[in-house]
């Protein structure tokens, strides 16, 4: 199940997202989501939460 959220970004970030999304042939919103998720993985936020969930099940 997908949940929608709204984010606000600066004009410069919006412009950059639009340019990169166009070059990649993606929607700007999809690119922003992918970048956000990747950053969360990079910062280990998601891995930490997943470990907590699996530890609770044991």
N, C-alpha and C. Protein backbone atom coordinates (compact mmCIF):
# COMPACT_ATOMS: atom_id res chain seq x y z
N UNK A 1 0.84 -1.18 0.00
CA UNK A 1 0.00 0.00 0.00
C UNK A 1 0.88 1.24 0.00
N UNK A 2 0.57 2.15 -0.85
CA UNK A 2 1.33 3.37 -1.01
C UNK A 2 0.69 4.51 -0.23
N UNK A 3 1.51 5.32 0.39
CA UNK A 3 1.06 6.50 1.10
C UNK A 3 1.65 7.71 0.38
N UNK A 4 0.86 8.73 0.17
CA UNK A 4 1.35 9.93 -0.47
C UNK A 4 1.70 10.98 0.58
N UNK A 5 2.81 11.66 0.33
CA UNK A 5 3.21 12.78 1.18
C UNK A 5 3.56 13.95 0.27
N UNK A 6 3.52 15.13 0.81
CA UNK A 6 3.93 16.33 0.08
C UNK A 6 5.20 16.86 0.70
N UNK A 7 6.11 17.29 -0.15
CA UNK A 7 7.32 17.94 0.35
C UNK A 7 7.48 19.28 -0.34
N UNK A 8 8.15 20.18 0.32
CA UNK A 8 8.48 21.47 -0.26
C UNK A 8 9.98 21.52 -0.47
N UNK A 9 10.39 21.99 -1.65
CA UNK A 9 11.80 22.13 -1.94
C UNK A 9 12.03 23.53 -2.51
N UNK A 10 13.27 23.94 -2.48
CA UNK A 10 13.61 25.25 -3.04
C UNK A 10 13.43 25.23 -4.56
N UNK A 11 13.35 26.41 -5.15
CA UNK A 11 13.21 26.52 -6.60
C UNK A 11 14.39 25.84 -7.29
N UNK A 12 15.59 26.01 -6.73
CA UNK A 12 16.78 25.43 -7.33
C UNK A 12 16.71 23.90 -7.34
N UNK A 13 16.27 23.31 -6.25
CA UNK A 13 16.15 21.85 -6.18
C UNK A 13 15.06 21.38 -7.14
N UNK A 14 13.95 22.11 -7.19
CA UNK A 14 12.87 21.77 -8.11
C UNK A 14 13.37 21.79 -9.56
N UNK A 15 14.10 22.85 -9.91
CA UNK A 15 14.63 22.96 -11.27
C UNK A 15 15.57 21.81 -11.59
N UNK A 16 16.43 21.48 -10.65
CA UNK A 16 17.37 20.37 -10.83
C UNK A 16 16.63 19.04 -10.99
N UNK A 17 15.64 18.81 -10.13
CA UNK A 17 14.84 17.59 -10.25
C UNK A 17 14.16 17.50 -11.61
N UNK A 18 13.62 18.61 -12.08
CA UNK A 18 12.96 18.61 -13.39
C UNK A 18 13.93 18.27 -14.50
N UNK A 19 15.13 18.87 -14.49
CA UNK A 19 16.12 18.61 -15.53
C UNK A 19 16.58 17.16 -15.53
N UNK A 20 16.90 16.65 -14.34
CA UNK A 20 17.39 15.28 -14.24
C UNK A 20 16.29 14.28 -14.59
N UNK A 21 15.07 14.53 -14.10
CA UNK A 21 13.96 13.63 -14.40
C UNK A 21 13.71 13.58 -15.91
N UNK A 22 13.76 14.72 -16.56
CA UNK A 22 13.54 14.76 -18.01
C UNK A 22 14.63 13.97 -18.72
N UNK A 23 15.87 14.16 -18.29
CA UNK A 23 17.00 13.46 -18.92
C UNK A 23 16.87 11.94 -18.73
N UNK A 24 16.37 11.52 -17.56
CA UNK A 24 16.22 10.09 -17.27
C UNK A 24 14.90 9.52 -17.78
N UNK A 25 14.01 10.39 -18.24
CA UNK A 25 12.71 9.92 -18.71
C UNK A 25 11.80 9.46 -17.59
N UNK A 26 11.91 10.12 -16.43
CA UNK A 26 11.10 9.77 -15.26
C UNK A 26 10.25 10.96 -14.86
N UNK A 27 9.24 10.69 -14.06
CA UNK A 27 8.47 11.77 -13.45
C UNK A 27 9.32 12.37 -12.33
N UNK A 28 9.17 13.67 -12.15
CA UNK A 28 9.91 14.38 -11.10
C UNK A 28 9.60 13.77 -9.73
N UNK A 29 8.34 13.46 -9.48
CA UNK A 29 7.96 12.90 -8.18
C UNK A 29 8.61 11.54 -7.94
N UNK A 30 8.73 10.73 -9.01
CA UNK A 30 9.36 9.42 -8.86
C UNK A 30 10.85 9.57 -8.56
N UNK A 31 11.49 10.48 -9.24
CA UNK A 31 12.91 10.73 -8.99
C UNK A 31 13.12 11.21 -7.55
N UNK A 32 12.30 12.14 -7.09
CA UNK A 32 12.42 12.65 -5.72
C UNK A 32 12.23 11.52 -4.71
N UNK A 33 11.25 10.64 -4.95
CA UNK A 33 11.01 9.51 -4.05
C UNK A 33 12.22 8.58 -4.02
N UNK A 34 12.75 8.26 -5.19
CA UNK A 34 13.90 7.37 -5.26
C UNK A 34 15.11 7.96 -4.55
N UNK A 35 15.32 9.26 -4.72
CA UNK A 35 16.45 9.91 -4.05
C UNK A 35 16.26 9.92 -2.54
N UNK A 36 15.05 10.18 -2.09
CA UNK A 36 14.77 10.19 -0.66
C UNK A 36 14.99 8.80 -0.06
N UNK A 37 14.46 7.77 -0.72
CA UNK A 37 14.63 6.41 -0.22
C UNK A 37 16.10 6.01 -0.19
N UNK A 38 16.85 6.38 -1.23
CA UNK A 38 18.28 6.04 -1.27
C UNK A 38 19.02 6.72 -0.12
N UNK A 39 18.68 7.97 0.14
CA UNK A 39 19.33 8.69 1.24
C UNK A 39 19.01 8.01 2.59
N UNK A 40 17.80 7.55 2.74
CA UNK A 40 17.43 6.86 3.98
C UNK A 40 18.23 5.56 4.13
N UNK A 41 18.42 4.83 3.03
CA UNK A 41 19.26 3.64 3.07
C UNK A 41 20.70 4.01 3.41
N UNK A 42 21.20 5.05 2.75
CA UNK A 42 22.58 5.48 2.99
C UNK A 42 22.80 5.85 4.46
N UNK A 43 21.80 6.45 5.07
CA UNK A 43 21.92 6.86 6.47
C UNK A 43 21.57 5.75 7.44
N UNK A 44 21.26 4.60 6.91
CA UNK A 44 20.96 3.39 7.69
C UNK A 44 19.68 3.50 8.51
N UNK A 45 18.83 4.48 8.21
CA UNK A 45 17.57 4.61 8.95
C UNK A 45 16.68 3.40 8.69
N UNK A 46 16.56 3.03 7.44
CA UNK A 46 15.67 1.92 7.10
C UNK A 46 16.23 0.61 7.63
N UNK A 47 17.54 0.37 7.47
CA UNK A 47 18.12 -0.88 7.97
C UNK A 47 17.92 -1.02 9.48
N UNK A 48 18.10 0.07 10.21
CA UNK A 48 17.92 0.03 11.66
C UNK A 48 16.49 -0.33 12.02
N UNK A 49 15.52 0.28 11.36
CA UNK A 49 14.11 0.00 11.65
C UNK A 49 13.75 -1.43 11.26
N UNK A 50 14.27 -1.91 10.14
CA UNK A 50 13.99 -3.29 9.73
C UNK A 50 14.55 -4.28 10.75
N UNK A 51 15.76 -4.01 11.23
CA UNK A 51 16.34 -4.89 12.26
C UNK A 51 15.47 -4.91 13.51
N UNK A 52 14.98 -3.72 13.91
CA UNK A 52 14.12 -3.65 15.09
C UNK A 52 12.86 -4.48 14.90
N UNK A 53 12.26 -4.41 13.73
CA UNK A 53 11.04 -5.18 13.45
C UNK A 53 11.32 -6.66 13.53
N UNK A 54 12.41 -7.12 12.89
CA UNK A 54 12.72 -8.53 12.90
C UNK A 54 13.13 -9.02 14.29
N UNK A 55 13.82 -8.17 15.05
CA UNK A 55 14.18 -8.54 16.42
C UNK A 55 12.97 -8.70 17.30
N UNK A 56 11.92 -7.88 17.08
CA UNK A 56 10.69 -7.97 17.87
C UNK A 56 9.96 -9.28 17.60
N UNK A 57 10.09 -9.82 16.37
CA UNK A 57 9.38 -11.04 16.00
C UNK A 57 10.02 -12.29 16.62
N UNK A 58 11.27 -12.21 16.99
CA UNK A 58 11.97 -13.38 17.53
C UNK A 58 11.61 -13.67 18.94
